[in-house]
Amino acid sequence: MIRHCVFVNFDPAVSETTIDDLMQAIADLRSHLAGIVAMEIGANVSPEVGMDKGYSRGFTIDFDSADSRDIYLADPAHQAAGAKLVNAAVGGIDGIFVYDMEI
């Protein structure tokens, strides 16, 4: 199983409504992609001040296999949602942190 972790450092000019819409677009992927076992989306709630490095929101997706993760990565709806996240992040792609691990 693969856990796909994504954290976003949103540009301060991006509204909370826009951020919520972007996160909903990620959540909507679950309904049409097989192989997603679990998905969690949320804001950072750590009390460790400054440790978030500005990455205020994130999500994890657990896939049943690396193949399912790869199908998600190539999916046009994922690519569209990802492009919008990049556009809303500080420095574009530099404001996105992705980490996949086998679990």
Protein backbone atom coordinates (compact mmCIF):
# COMPACT_ATOMS: atom_id res chain seq x y z
CA MET A 1 0.00 0.00 0.00
CA ILE A 2 1.18 3.55 -0.76
CA ARG A 3 0.48 6.64 1.34
CA HIS A 4 0.64 9.77 -0.81
CA CYS A 5 1.15 12.89 1.35
CA VAL A 6 0.79 16.40 -0.07
CA PHE A 7 1.28 19.67 1.82
CA VAL A 8 0.61 23.13 0.43
CA ASN A 9 2.03 26.52 1.37
CA PHE A 10 -0.80 28.69 0.05
CA ASP A 11 -0.16 32.22 -1.14
CA PRO A 12 -1.58 34.63 1.48
CA ALA A 13 -3.65 36.29 -1.27
CA VAL A 14 -5.63 33.07 -1.84
CA SER A 15 -8.98 33.18 -0.03
CA GLU A 16 -10.18 30.52 2.37
CA THR A 17 -13.11 29.87 0.03
CA THR A 18 -10.70 29.16 -2.84
CA ILE A 19 -8.60 26.90 -0.62
CA ASP A 20 -11.73 25.00 0.43
CA ASP A 21 -12.73 24.63 -3.22
CA LEU A 22 -9.28 23.32 -4.13
CA MET A 23 -9.35 20.78 -1.31
CA GLN A 24 -12.85 19.71 -2.39
CA ALA A 25 -11.55 19.08 -5.91
CA ILE A 26 -9.01 16.69 -4.39
CA ALA A 27 -11.71 14.99 -2.30
CA ASP A 28 -13.87 14.58 -5.39
CA LEU A 29 -11.19 12.41 -7.01
CA ARG A 30 -12.08 9.60 -4.64
CA SER A 31 -15.44 9.05 -6.28
CA HIS A 32 -14.08 8.14 -9.70
CA LEU A 33 -10.70 6.52 -9.05
CA ALA A 34 -10.40 2.90 -8.00
CA GLY A 35 -7.67 1.88 -5.61
CA ILE A 36 -8.11 4.69 -3.09
CA VAL A 37 -8.39 3.04 0.32
CA ALA A 38 -8.51 6.18 2.48
CA MET A 39 -8.23 9.94 2.17
CA GLU A 40 -7.77 12.64 4.79
CA ILE A 41 -7.75 16.39 4.12
CA GLY A 42 -7.17 19.13 6.65
CA ALA A 43 -5.42 22.11 8.10
CA ASN A 44 -2.26 21.87 10.16
CA VAL A 45 -3.15 21.77 13.85
CA SER A 46 0.32 21.20 15.29
CA PRO A 47 1.20 23.25 18.36
CA GLU A 48 4.86 23.26 17.24
CA VAL A 49 5.11 26.89 16.15
CA GLY A 50 7.10 27.38 12.96
CA MET A 51 7.61 23.69 12.26
CA ASP A 52 5.04 23.76 9.45
CA LYS A 53 7.33 25.99 7.35
CA GLY A 54 4.18 27.67 6.00
CA TYR A 55 2.52 24.48 4.80
CA SER A 56 -0.91 25.20 6.23
CA ARG A 57 -3.03 22.54 4.51
CA GLY A 58 -2.48 19.03 3.39
CA PHE A 59 -3.94 15.71 2.46
CA THR A 60 -3.05 12.05 2.44
CA ILE A 61 -4.34 9.39 0.14
CA ASP A 62 -3.79 5.70 0.78
CA PHE A 63 -3.68 3.60 -2.38
CA ASP A 64 -3.96 -0.16 -2.51
CA SER A 65 -0.88 -0.30 -4.76
CA ALA A 66 1.73 1.78 -6.53
CA ASP A 67 -0.16 1.07 -9.77
CA SER A 68 -3.30 2.71 -8.36
CA ARG A 69 -1.21 5.71 -7.28
CA ASP A 70 0.26 5.95 -10.78
CA ILE A 71 -3.22 5.87 -12.35
CA TYR A 72 -4.21 8.74 -10.02
CA LEU A 73 -1.12 10.73 -11.02
CA ALA A 74 -1.98 10.40 -14.72
CA ASP A 75 -5.71 11.09 -14.25
CA PRO A 76 -6.82 14.31 -16.04
CA ALA A 77 -8.98 15.42 -13.08
CA HIS A 78 -6.00 14.99 -10.74
CA GLN A 79 -3.74 16.90 -13.09
CA ALA A 80 -6.26 19.75 -13.33
CA ALA A 81 -6.69 19.92 -9.53
CA GLY A 82 -2.93 19.71 -9.04
CA ALA A 83 -2.31 22.56 -11.49
CA LYS A 84 -4.75 24.73 -9.54
CA LEU A 85 -2.97 23.89 -6.28
CA VAL A 86 0.36 24.84 -7.83
CA ASN A 87 -1.09 28.15 -9.06
CA ALA A 88 -2.34 28.92 -5.55
CA ALA A 89 0.91 28.01 -3.77
CA VAL A 90 3.73 30.34 -2.78
CA GLY A 91 6.30 30.09 -5.56
CA GLY A 92 4.19 27.68 -7.59
CA ILE A 93 5.60 24.16 -7.46
CA ASP A 94 8.04 25.28 -4.73
CA GLY A 95 5.03 25.69 -2.43
CA ILE A 96 4.00 22.04 -2.76
CA PHE A 97 5.64 19.20 -0.80
CA VAL A 98 4.89 15.63 -1.85
CA TYR A 99 6.05 12.52 -0.02
CA ASP A 100 5.02 8.96 -0.80
CA MET A 101 5.76 6.03 1.47
CA GLU A 102 5.02 2.37 1.45
CA ILE A 103 2.84 1.33 4.37
